[in-house]
Protein backbone atom coordinates (compact mmCIF):
# COMPACT_ATOMS: atom_id res chain seq x y z
CA UNK A 1 42.26 4.76 -227.37
CA UNK A 2 45.54 6.30 -226.25
CA UNK A 3 46.34 7.21 -229.97
CA UNK A 4 49.79 8.71 -230.33
CA UNK A 5 50.46 10.87 -233.20
CA UNK A 6 50.51 9.26 -236.48
CA UNK A 7 52.93 10.45 -239.33
CA UNK A 8 55.14 13.30 -239.63
CA UNK A 9 57.54 12.85 -236.88
CA UNK A 10 55.53 12.84 -234.13
CA UNK A 11 55.82 16.89 -233.47
CA UNK A 12 53.11 18.48 -231.59
CA UNK A 13 52.75 22.17 -231.39
CA UNK A 14 49.94 24.13 -230.87
CA UNK A 15 49.29 27.07 -228.61
CA UNK A 16 48.41 28.39 -225.38
CA UNK A 17 45.72 30.04 -223.60
CA UNK A 18 45.32 32.07 -220.48
CA UNK A 19 45.18 30.90 -217.44
CA UNK A 20 44.51 33.62 -214.45
CA UNK A 21 44.89 37.74 -214.54
CA UNK A 22 48.44 38.79 -213.72
CA UNK A 23 49.09 41.93 -211.29
CA UNK A 24 51.45 44.12 -213.55
CA UNK A 25 53.18 44.70 -210.30
CA UNK A 26 54.28 41.07 -210.46
CA UNK A 27 57.81 40.30 -210.73
CA UNK A 28 59.04 42.04 -213.97
CA UNK A 29 62.71 42.34 -213.32
CA UNK A 30 63.20 38.80 -214.78
CA UNK A 31 64.65 37.44 -218.25
CA UNK A 32 61.43 38.25 -220.14
CA UNK A 33 60.65 41.01 -218.87
CA UNK A 34 61.23 42.45 -222.39
CA UNK A 35 59.69 40.03 -224.03
CA UNK A 36 56.31 40.14 -222.40
CA UNK A 37 55.27 43.44 -220.67
CA UNK A 38 52.46 44.09 -218.34
CA UNK A 39 50.29 45.66 -220.93
CA UNK A 40 50.86 42.58 -222.97
CA UNK A 41 49.26 40.66 -220.25
CA UNK A 42 46.80 42.48 -219.65
CA UNK A 43 45.86 42.83 -223.59
CA UNK A 44 46.39 39.05 -223.86
CA UNK A 45 43.52 38.55 -220.85
CA UNK A 46 41.44 40.82 -221.66
CA UNK A 47 41.12 39.49 -225.21
CA UNK A 48 39.49 36.18 -224.30
CA UNK A 49 36.25 36.87 -223.45
CA UNK A 50 33.27 34.96 -223.38
CA UNK A 51 30.61 35.20 -225.92
CA UNK A 52 27.86 33.63 -228.32
CA UNK A 53 30.10 32.10 -231.74
CA UNK A 54 27.76 32.69 -234.89
CA UNK A 55 28.47 30.00 -237.43
CA UNK A 56 28.35 30.34 -240.86
CA UNK A 57 25.53 27.97 -241.99
CA UNK A 58 25.27 26.66 -246.01
CA UNK A 59 21.96 27.66 -247.33
CA UNK A 60 21.61 24.50 -248.98
CA UNK A 61 21.05 21.93 -246.47
CA UNK A 62 18.67 22.76 -243.51
CA UNK A 63 18.48 19.08 -241.84
CA UNK A 64 18.42 19.46 -238.13
CA UNK A 65 21.66 17.88 -236.44
CA UNK A 66 21.33 16.93 -233.08
CA UNK A 67 23.61 19.28 -231.37
CA UNK A 68 26.40 16.93 -229.29
CA UNK A 69 29.33 18.66 -227.61
CA UNK A 70 31.44 18.43 -225.00
CA UNK A 71 29.92 20.05 -222.02
CA UNK A 72 32.73 20.22 -219.42
CA UNK A 73 35.56 22.52 -219.38
CA UNK A 74 38.55 21.66 -221.58
CA UNK A 75 41.47 21.67 -219.85
CA UNK A 76 45.56 20.90 -221.42
CA UNK A 77 47.86 19.75 -219.08
CA UNK A 78 51.43 19.18 -220.19
CA UNK A 79 53.84 16.84 -217.64
CA UNK A 80 57.71 18.36 -218.07
CA UNK A 81 61.09 18.15 -216.56
CA UNK A 82 64.39 16.21 -217.16
CA UNK A 83 64.47 12.61 -218.19
CA UNK A 84 63.71 9.94 -216.02
CA UNK A 85 61.63 12.51 -213.15
CA UNK A 86 58.96 10.22 -213.19
CA UNK A 87 56.50 12.13 -216.07
CA UNK A 88 55.28 9.08 -217.45
CA UNK A 89 54.56 6.87 -214.60
CA UNK A 90 52.28 9.56 -213.30
CA UNK A 91 50.46 10.02 -216.05
CA UNK A 92 49.69 6.30 -216.49
CA UNK A 93 49.26 6.19 -212.60
CA UNK A 94 46.33 9.34 -212.95
CA UNK A 95 45.15 7.43 -215.78
CA UNK A 96 44.72 4.17 -213.48
CA UNK A 97 43.22 6.31 -210.22
CA UNK A 98 40.99 7.42 -212.85
CA UNK A 99 39.91 4.39 -214.07
CA UNK A 100 41.28 5.63 -217.41
CA UNK A 101 42.94 2.73 -218.09
CA UNK A 102 41.78 -1.10 -216.87
CA UNK A 103 43.10 -2.88 -214.52
CA UNK A 104 43.65 -6.03 -216.65
CA UNK A 105 45.43 -3.66 -219.03
CA UNK A 106 47.50 -2.64 -216.36
CA UNK A 107 48.33 -5.64 -215.20
CA UNK A 108 49.09 -7.10 -218.69
CA UNK A 109 52.01 -4.08 -218.47
CA UNK A 110 52.97 -5.22 -215.12
CA UNK A 111 53.57 -9.25 -216.03
CA UNK A 112 55.13 -7.55 -219.87
CA UNK A 113 57.45 -4.99 -217.75
CA UNK A 114 58.73 -7.60 -215.16
CA UNK A 115 59.81 -10.26 -217.81
CA UNK A 116 62.15 -7.62 -218.87
CA UNK A 117 62.98 -6.83 -215.41
CA UNK A 118 61.47 -3.34 -215.78
CA UNK A 119 58.91 -3.64 -212.94
CA UNK A 120 58.61 -0.11 -212.01
CA UNK A 121 58.35 1.20 -215.76
CA UNK A 122 54.70 -0.73 -215.93
CA UNK A 123 52.56 2.71 -215.27
CA UNK A 124 54.19 5.09 -217.78
CA UNK A 125 53.28 2.11 -220.76
CA UNK A 126 49.93 3.66 -220.90
CA UNK A 127 51.54 6.41 -222.20
CA UNK A 128 54.59 5.28 -223.91
CA UNK A 129 53.09 3.46 -226.45
CA UNK A 130 55.56 2.40 -228.72
CA UNK A 131 58.01 -0.09 -228.59
CA UNK A 132 61.32 1.98 -229.09
CA UNK A 133 60.15 3.97 -225.93
CA UNK A 134 59.00 1.05 -223.87
CA UNK A 135 62.64 -0.82 -224.31
CA UNK A 136 64.44 1.97 -223.42
CA UNK A 137 61.79 3.94 -221.13
CA UNK A 138 62.75 7.34 -222.53
CA UNK A 139 59.36 9.63 -224.14
CA UNK A 140 59.80 10.56 -227.45
CA UNK A 141 56.60 11.72 -228.90
CA UNK A 142 54.30 13.37 -227.16
CA UNK A 143 51.96 11.03 -225.48
CA UNK A 144 48.55 11.81 -224.83
CA UNK A 145 45.65 10.62 -223.07
CA UNK A 146 42.51 12.07 -221.56
CA UNK A 147 40.82 11.88 -217.79
CA UNK A 148 37.54 13.82 -216.32
CA UNK A 149 36.62 14.97 -213.37
CA UNK A 150 32.81 16.08 -212.67
CA UNK A 151 33.71 19.65 -213.84
CA UNK A 152 36.47 19.22 -216.20
CA UNK A 153 37.83 17.45 -219.26
CA UNK A 154 41.90 17.18 -219.00
CA UNK A 155 43.72 15.95 -221.48
CA UNK A 156 47.51 14.85 -220.80
CA UNK A 157 49.81 15.75 -222.60
CA UNK A 158 53.26 13.19 -221.67
CA UNK A 159 56.45 15.79 -222.62
CA UNK A 160 59.77 13.96 -223.40
CA UNK A 161 62.22 14.79 -220.76
CA UNK A 162 65.73 14.13 -223.02
CA UNK A 163 67.40 17.35 -224.47
CA UNK A 164 67.19 15.52 -228.11
CA UNK A 165 63.27 15.98 -228.05
CA UNK A 166 62.98 19.32 -227.08
CA UNK A 167 61.22 20.25 -230.14
CA UNK A 168 58.51 17.83 -229.23
CA UNK A 169 58.35 19.13 -225.88
CA UNK A 170 58.04 22.61 -227.52
CA UNK A 171 55.03 21.15 -228.91
CA UNK A 172 53.54 19.56 -225.95
CA UNK A 173 54.06 23.08 -223.91
CA UNK A 174 52.91 25.14 -226.57
CA UNK A 175 48.97 23.01 -226.52
CA UNK A 176 48.94 23.79 -222.45
CA UNK A 177 46.98 25.66 -220.37
CA UNK A 178 48.85 24.24 -217.07
CA UNK A 179 51.95 22.97 -216.95
CA UNK A 180 53.19 20.23 -214.33
CA UNK A 181 57.12 20.42 -213.62
CA UNK A 182 57.81 16.80 -212.12
CA UNK A 183 61.22 16.92 -210.07
CA UNK A 184 62.44 13.72 -208.34
CA UNK A 185 63.55 14.00 -205.07
CA UNK A 186 65.67 11.22 -205.02
CA UNK A 187 69.45 11.83 -203.80
CA UNK A 188 71.31 12.65 -206.59
CA UNK A 189 68.06 13.31 -209.27
CA UNK A 190 67.33 16.33 -208.55
CA UNK A 191 70.50 17.83 -208.53
CA UNK A 192 71.41 16.36 -212.03
CA UNK A 193 68.03 17.40 -213.35
CA UNK A 194 68.65 21.25 -211.88
CA UNK A 195 71.85 21.75 -212.59
CA UNK A 196 73.55 23.04 -215.80
CA UNK A 197 72.76 20.70 -218.84
CA UNK A 198 69.63 19.29 -216.92
CA UNK A 199 66.30 19.57 -218.81
CA UNK A 200 64.62 20.85 -215.14
CA UNK A 201 65.17 24.99 -216.25
CA UNK A 202 65.03 24.61 -219.51
CA UNK A 203 61.56 22.96 -219.65
CA UNK A 204 60.15 25.27 -217.02
CA UNK A 205 61.70 28.68 -218.95
CA UNK A 206 60.25 26.89 -222.52
CA UNK A 207 57.01 26.48 -220.41
CA UNK A 208 56.72 30.03 -219.33
CA UNK A 209 57.50 31.27 -223.10
CA UNK A 210 54.58 29.10 -224.25
CA UNK A 211 52.46 31.14 -222.22
CA UNK A 212 51.57 28.55 -219.60
CA UNK A 213 50.06 30.54 -216.80
CA UNK A 214 49.96 28.03 -213.55
CA UNK A 215 52.78 25.87 -212.64
CA UNK A 216 52.27 22.97 -210.41
CA UNK A 217 55.76 21.53 -209.04
CA UNK A 218 55.49 17.73 -207.84
CA UNK A 219 58.14 16.66 -205.81
CA UNK A 220 58.05 12.96 -207.08
CA UNK A 221 59.63 9.85 -205.68
CA UNK A 222 59.04 11.10 -202.31
CA UNK A 223 58.94 7.15 -201.07
CA UNK A 224 62.39 6.55 -202.42
CA UNK A 225 64.70 4.52 -199.47
CA UNK A 226 66.97 7.74 -199.75
CA UNK A 227 63.61 10.06 -199.09
CA UNK A 228 61.08 8.32 -196.95
CA UNK A 229 58.83 11.45 -197.37
CA UNK A 230 61.22 13.35 -195.46
CA UNK A 231 60.62 17.07 -195.01
CA UNK A 232 64.23 18.24 -195.23
CA UNK A 233 64.82 16.86 -198.40
CA UNK A 234 61.33 18.37 -199.92
CA UNK A 235 62.07 22.00 -198.82
CA UNK A 236 65.56 21.25 -199.97
CA UNK A 237 64.85 20.65 -203.48
CA UNK A 238 62.01 23.30 -203.14
CA UNK A 239 64.36 25.83 -202.13
CA UNK A 240 66.76 25.23 -204.73
CA UNK A 241 64.17 25.67 -207.54
CA UNK A 242 61.76 28.62 -206.10
CA UNK A 243 64.61 31.27 -207.39
CA UNK A 244 65.13 30.29 -210.56
CA UNK A 245 61.13 30.07 -211.16
CA UNK A 246 60.75 33.76 -209.83
CA UNK A 247 63.29 35.01 -211.64
CA UNK A 248 61.48 33.32 -215.08
CA UNK A 249 58.26 35.53 -213.85
CA UNK A 250 56.34 32.67 -212.23
CA UNK A 251 54.73 34.64 -208.74
CA UNK A 252 54.71 31.80 -205.71
CA UNK A 253 51.70 33.74 -204.59
CA UNK A 254 49.40 33.25 -207.36
CA UNK A 255 50.81 30.61 -209.82
CA UNK A 256 53.16 28.40 -208.21
CA UNK A 257 52.68 25.41 -206.35
CA UNK A 258 54.65 22.87 -205.01
CA UNK A 259 53.04 19.00 -203.70
CA UNK A 260 54.79 16.14 -202.88
CA UNK A 261 53.65 12.87 -204.45
CA UNK A 262 54.53 9.25 -205.18
CA UNK A 263 54.04 8.35 -209.14
CA UNK A 264 54.57 4.57 -208.41
CA UNK A 265 52.32 4.25 -205.23
CA UNK A 266 49.98 7.25 -206.52
CA UNK A 267 50.24 9.16 -202.84
CA UNK A 268 49.32 12.19 -203.52
CA UNK A 269 47.59 12.30 -207.09
CA UNK A 270 43.79 11.46 -206.32
CA UNK A 271 44.23 11.25 -202.55
CA UNK A 272 46.34 13.27 -200.18
CA UNK A 273 49.28 11.46 -198.30
CA UNK A 274 48.37 9.54 -195.67
CA UNK A 275 49.08 10.91 -192.39
CA UNK A 276 51.43 7.46 -191.22
CA UNK A 277 53.78 8.23 -194.18
CA UNK A 278 53.76 11.99 -193.80
CA UNK A 279 52.47 14.52 -191.55
CA UNK A 280 54.10 17.81 -192.29
CA UNK A 281 52.09 17.95 -195.60
CA UNK A 282 48.23 18.39 -195.43
CA UNK A 283 47.40 20.32 -198.73
CA UNK A 284 45.04 19.26 -201.29
CA UNK A 285 46.29 16.46 -203.62
CA UNK A 286 47.25 16.65 -206.78
CA UNK A 287 43.56 16.16 -209.01
CA UNK A 288 41.13 17.73 -206.78
CA UNK A 289 43.76 20.80 -206.83
CA UNK A 290 43.65 21.14 -210.75
CA UNK A 291 39.90 20.32 -210.65
CA UNK A 292 39.06 23.59 -208.18
CA UNK A 293 41.45 25.96 -210.34
CA UNK A 294 39.76 28.95 -211.67
CA UNK A 295 37.74 28.77 -215.36
CA UNK A 296 39.62 30.05 -218.12
CA UNK A 297 38.32 32.71 -220.29
CA UNK A 298 38.08 30.87 -223.90
CA UNK A 299 37.57 33.08 -226.86
CA UNK A 300 34.48 31.83 -228.42
CA UNK A 301 33.87 34.78 -230.63
CA UNK A 302 36.65 35.02 -232.71
CA UNK A 303 37.37 33.51 -235.94
CA UNK A 304 37.91 29.73 -236.22
CA UNK A 305 41.79 29.07 -235.45
CA UNK A 306 43.44 25.56 -235.26
CA UNK A 307 47.04 25.10 -236.08
CA UNK A 308 47.91 21.54 -237.34
CA UNK A 309 50.01 19.38 -235.11
CA UNK A 310 49.53 16.30 -236.69
CA UNK A 311 47.71 14.88 -239.83
CA UNK A 312 47.29 10.80 -240.94
CA UNK A 313 45.42 8.97 -243.60
CA UNK A 314 42.13 6.93 -242.31
CA UNK A 315 39.10 7.16 -245.28
CA UNK A 316 40.45 10.54 -245.77
CA UNK A 317 42.16 13.31 -244.27
CA UNK A 318 42.43 14.25 -240.62
CA UNK A 319 43.91 16.76 -238.68
CA UNK A 320 44.66 17.02 -235.21
CA UNK A 321 45.17 20.31 -233.19
CA UNK A 322 43.85 22.39 -230.05
CA UNK A 323 41.69 24.61 -231.00
CA UNK A 324 42.59 28.17 -230.15
CA UNK A 325 39.75 30.33 -231.12
CA UNK A 326 35.93 30.31 -232.62
CA UNK A 327 33.96 27.47 -232.91
CA UNK A 328 33.66 24.96 -236.06
CA UNK A 329 30.46 22.51 -237.06
CA UNK A 330 30.16 19.39 -239.35
CA UNK A 331 30.17 20.22 -242.89
CA UNK A 332 31.25 23.99 -242.56
CA UNK A 333 33.29 25.12 -245.29
CA UNK A 334 37.33 26.22 -244.27
CA UNK A 335 40.99 27.19 -245.21
CA UNK A 336 44.27 25.31 -244.96
CA UNK A 337 46.66 28.62 -244.58
CA UNK A 338 49.09 29.35 -246.27
CA UNK A 339 48.01 27.08 -248.77
CA UNK A 340 44.37 28.49 -249.50
CA UNK A 341 42.91 25.29 -249.88
CA UNK A 342 39.41 24.99 -249.55
CA UNK A 343 37.96 22.31 -247.21
CA UNK A 344 35.21 20.86 -245.70
CA UNK A 345 34.53 19.47 -242.32
CA UNK A 346 33.18 15.82 -242.53
CA UNK A 347 33.78 14.99 -239.11
CA UNK A 348 34.70 15.87 -235.78
CA UNK A 349 36.24 13.84 -232.49
CA UNK A 350 36.97 15.73 -229.17
CA UNK A 351 39.06 13.44 -227.60
CA UNK A 352 37.83 10.36 -229.36
CA UNK A 353 34.46 11.12 -229.06
CA UNK A 354 32.62 12.01 -232.40
CA UNK A 355 30.87 15.36 -231.65
CA UNK A 356 28.67 17.97 -234.54
CA UNK A 357 30.85 21.30 -233.19
CA UNK A 358 34.12 22.06 -230.96
CA UNK A 359 35.11 25.10 -229.85
CA UNK A 360 38.08 26.51 -227.96
CA UNK A 361 40.62 24.71 -225.86
CA UNK A 362 39.58 21.29 -227.06
CA UNK A 363 41.99 19.14 -228.51
CA UNK A 364 40.35 17.72 -231.27
CA UNK A 365 41.05 15.41 -234.71
CA UNK A 366 38.63 16.81 -238.05
CA UNK A 367 38.50 15.01 -240.99
CA UNK A 368 38.42 17.29 -243.96
CA UNK A 369 37.04 16.87 -247.58
CA UNK A 370 38.73 18.51 -250.35
CA UNK A 371 42.43 17.99 -249.61
CA UNK A 372 45.01 15.30 -249.60
CA UNK A 373 47.20 13.83 -246.76
CA UNK A 374 50.66 15.02 -248.60
CA UNK A 375 49.52 18.39 -248.68
CA UNK A 376 48.86 19.09 -245.48
CA UNK A 377 51.93 19.91 -243.12
CA UNK A 378 52.16 20.34 -239.29
CA UNK A 379 52.43 24.47 -238.27
CA UNK A 380 49.67 24.86 -241.07
CA UNK A 381 46.64 26.39 -239.86
CA UNK A 382 42.97 25.26 -240.16
CA UNK A 383 40.44 28.37 -240.22
CA UNK A 384 37.58 30.71 -241.11
CA UNK A 385 36.87 30.78 -244.77
CA UNK A 386 35.79 34.70 -244.65
CA UNK A 387 38.64 35.87 -242.25
CA UNK A 388 42.07 33.60 -242.79
CA UNK A 389 44.93 34.11 -240.84
CA UNK A 390 47.64 36.24 -241.56
CA UNK A 391 50.79 34.13 -243.41
CA UNK A 392 54.44 35.97 -244.82
CA UNK A 393 57.78 35.35 -244.69
CA UNK A 394 59.62 38.57 -243.20
CA UNK A 395 58.28 40.24 -239.80
CA UNK A 396 59.91 42.06 -237.29
CA UNK A 397 60.25 41.08 -234.23
CA UNK A 398 61.53 41.80 -230.31
CA UNK A 399 63.76 39.24 -229.14
CA UNK A 400 65.52 38.51 -226.01
CA UNK A 401 69.09 36.58 -226.40
CA UNK A 402 68.73 33.97 -223.39
CA UNK A 403 72.26 31.85 -224.08
CA UNK A 404 74.44 32.09 -226.97
CA UNK A 405 78.35 32.21 -226.90
CA UNK A 406 79.22 34.26 -229.61
CA UNK A 407 77.68 37.57 -230.96
CA UNK A 408 74.37 37.86 -233.47
CA UNK A 409 74.38 39.48 -236.49
CA UNK A 410 72.57 39.92 -239.60
CA UNK A 411 73.02 36.84 -241.63
CA UNK A 412 72.64 34.68 -238.26
CA UNK A 413 70.50 31.73 -238.90
CA UNK A 414 68.36 29.30 -236.21
CA UNK A 415 65.35 27.37 -236.40
CA UNK A 416 62.49 28.92 -235.13
CA UNK A 417 59.30 27.50 -233.22
CA UNK A 418 56.12 29.14 -233.39
CA UNK A 419 52.54 27.63 -232.67
CA UNK A 420 53.12 24.16 -234.45
CA UNK A 421 55.77 25.38 -237.03
CA UNK A 422 59.35 24.78 -236.66
CA UNK A 423 60.74 26.81 -239.57
CA UNK A 424 64.71 28.04 -240.50
CA UNK A 425 64.84 31.93 -239.85
CA UNK A 426 67.17 33.99 -241.38
CA UNK A 427 68.01 37.56 -239.41
CA UNK A 428 67.88 40.19 -242.27
CA UNK A 429 68.69 43.48 -239.78
CA UNK A 430 69.18 44.61 -236.43
CA UNK A 431 66.79 47.33 -236.11
CA UNK A 432 67.82 48.60 -232.22
CA UNK A 433 68.46 47.50 -228.81
CA UNK A 434 65.86 48.03 -226.01
CA UNK A 435 66.65 48.66 -222.59
CA UNK A 436 65.90 46.18 -220.18
CA UNK A 437 65.29 48.05 -217.33
CA UNK A 438 63.47 51.41 -219.32
CA UNK A 439 62.15 49.55 -222.41
CA UNK A 440 64.07 52.68 -224.50
CA UNK A 441 65.08 52.08 -227.75
CA UNK A 442 68.66 52.58 -229.51
CA UNK A 443 69.31 55.74 -231.74
CA UNK A 444 71.63 53.66 -233.67
CA UNK A 445 71.21 50.46 -235.15
CA UNK A 446 73.45 47.56 -233.56
CA UNK A 447 75.94 46.27 -235.56
CA UNK A 448 75.24 42.62 -233.11
CA UNK A 449 73.42 41.71 -230.07
CA UNK A 450 74.81 39.15 -227.11
CA UNK A 451 73.86 37.00 -224.29
CA UNK A 452 71.13 38.76 -221.96
CA UNK A 453 70.61 41.90 -224.60
CA UNK A 454 67.01 42.24 -226.13
CA UNK A 455 66.62 43.68 -229.54
CA UNK A 456 64.06 44.23 -232.13
CA UNK A 457 65.06 42.58 -235.65
CA UNK A 458 63.62 41.89 -239.05
CA UNK A 459 63.58 38.10 -239.54
CA UNK A 460 62.79 36.40 -243.06
CA UNK A 461 61.81 32.59 -243.07
CA UNK A 462 62.64 30.23 -245.23
CA UNK A 463 59.00 29.26 -246.29
CA UNK A 464 55.17 30.82 -245.98
CA UNK A 465 54.25 30.60 -242.54
CA UNK A 466 50.99 31.53 -240.33
CA UNK A 467 51.92 34.17 -237.60
CA UNK A 468 49.96 36.90 -236.45
CA UNK A 469 50.97 39.97 -234.25
CA UNK A 470 51.45 39.08 -230.58
CA UNK A 471 49.46 42.22 -228.94
CA UNK A 472 46.70 41.17 -231.85
CA UNK A 473 46.53 37.14 -230.67
CA UNK A 474 49.50 36.13 -228.64
CA UNK A 475 49.55 32.31 -229.39
CA UNK A 476 50.22 32.92 -232.94
CA UNK A 477 52.75 35.92 -231.82
CA UNK A 478 55.20 34.45 -229.48
CA UNK A 479 58.58 31.78 -230.81
CA UNK A 480 61.53 30.43 -229.55
CA UNK A 481 64.91 30.12 -231.49
CA UNK A 482 66.73 27.35 -230.92
CA UNK A 483 70.42 26.41 -232.57
CA UNK A 484 72.64 23.35 -231.96
CA UNK A 485 70.60 21.55 -229.61
CA UNK A 486 69.51 24.76 -227.19
CA UNK A 487 67.06 27.70 -226.77
CA UNK A 488 69.07 30.49 -227.71
CA UNK A 489 66.24 33.43 -227.41
CA UNK A 490 62.51 34.02 -227.06
CA UNK A 491 60.35 36.59 -229.19
CA UNK A 492 57.47 38.54 -229.72
CA UNK A 493 56.09 39.36 -233.20
CA UNK A 494 55.34 42.89 -233.73
CA UNK A 495 54.66 43.32 -237.11
CA UNK A 496 54.24 40.94 -240.02
CA UNK A 497 55.47 42.57 -243.58
CA UNK A 498 53.04 41.97 -246.53
């Protein structure tokens, strides 16, 4: 039931959805202002409207199939944060509290963990399923599981915290609608995660770039002997991280929520923290809070688009991903881009349940006919046969340089992460600089760009990739550039040169 991705290095990269209307007056004087302007946010929001899907039905078969589709709203939640903050443990505890992993299994994990004198790790084993992850206590691939409430179906994406596995983490964030930043309140651990070199900052920034609209900050390990549910320590962690999150563009009034909790004991996750332990926080617990968040606008009437995150062989070729727009039904003909391979849908699974149709926001596995497993790579896109997604090698983009010691000029190369694809790219030409405050473009071509500058540049990919203009389809048009294990820039596609 808790299957991690098959082969393909376990890279999970999908795309993003909208959480709620953003007021243009929100903090735009931030690192990202050049990348996503208020107009973009408005465009992004208005684009996702509910509508009736009009599936194409082939004329040959008129067999009536009983419709079965997930009725609850699907929400994808990614857990991010520094290594050892307790992401997997909280994920495992949620699975236990909602009854998605049974008591006997957890008792078995607890016994095995005790034998390795790692008692406190047993909950994380519900999500860290391979041996290497269990031995080292480090998540490597994005773990996946799901739980349900009466109203919603949540897919948990447990992202790795270690800086060597940030590309996998970008994959998790790219599939998410909601991000949960886990920080440890234990003395010394919060500081290590938040100071330069810690992953707390980079993860929060990548979640924002990935288009995640709402961020819940869980202050974990509040039951640690060095903390003991102390309000002073909780406020200290909150006050240190808040200015940084504001600078990224999260608005504390609308899309930021702080909560104390303990992943190991489960306090603050499903039920409120008992008053005997904590008198000062009487807000909602984590699960009821995310259950009450407003519904997302999903694009049900557009053409079908699903970036492929992973694939494996199982009596046929099975591809995994998150549906970005449109609907797919059993028996429908689709295209795999950029190879233009025609395929037919054989079976559909939404989080391990077999269904006859899937819609936007669902994490799905689709068994395809007409393609071999080795002909599919993560980063390919499964899409509508009559209205396929754009492909290209060269495109113009607006890029913000976040941190880079030297200058960047034509000929510079890096790795670009866009939806599920990771591709080597080279800067072909610098077109102009953009003023961060006024948005004005320079008249002359710059010879180089450096840290904190915004430029429009022409970028060439090593191979053919699927992408769209940011203003038409934000999920397929925003990307990050990474070099030497650091995220150096974020950008949006302005124009694809055919």
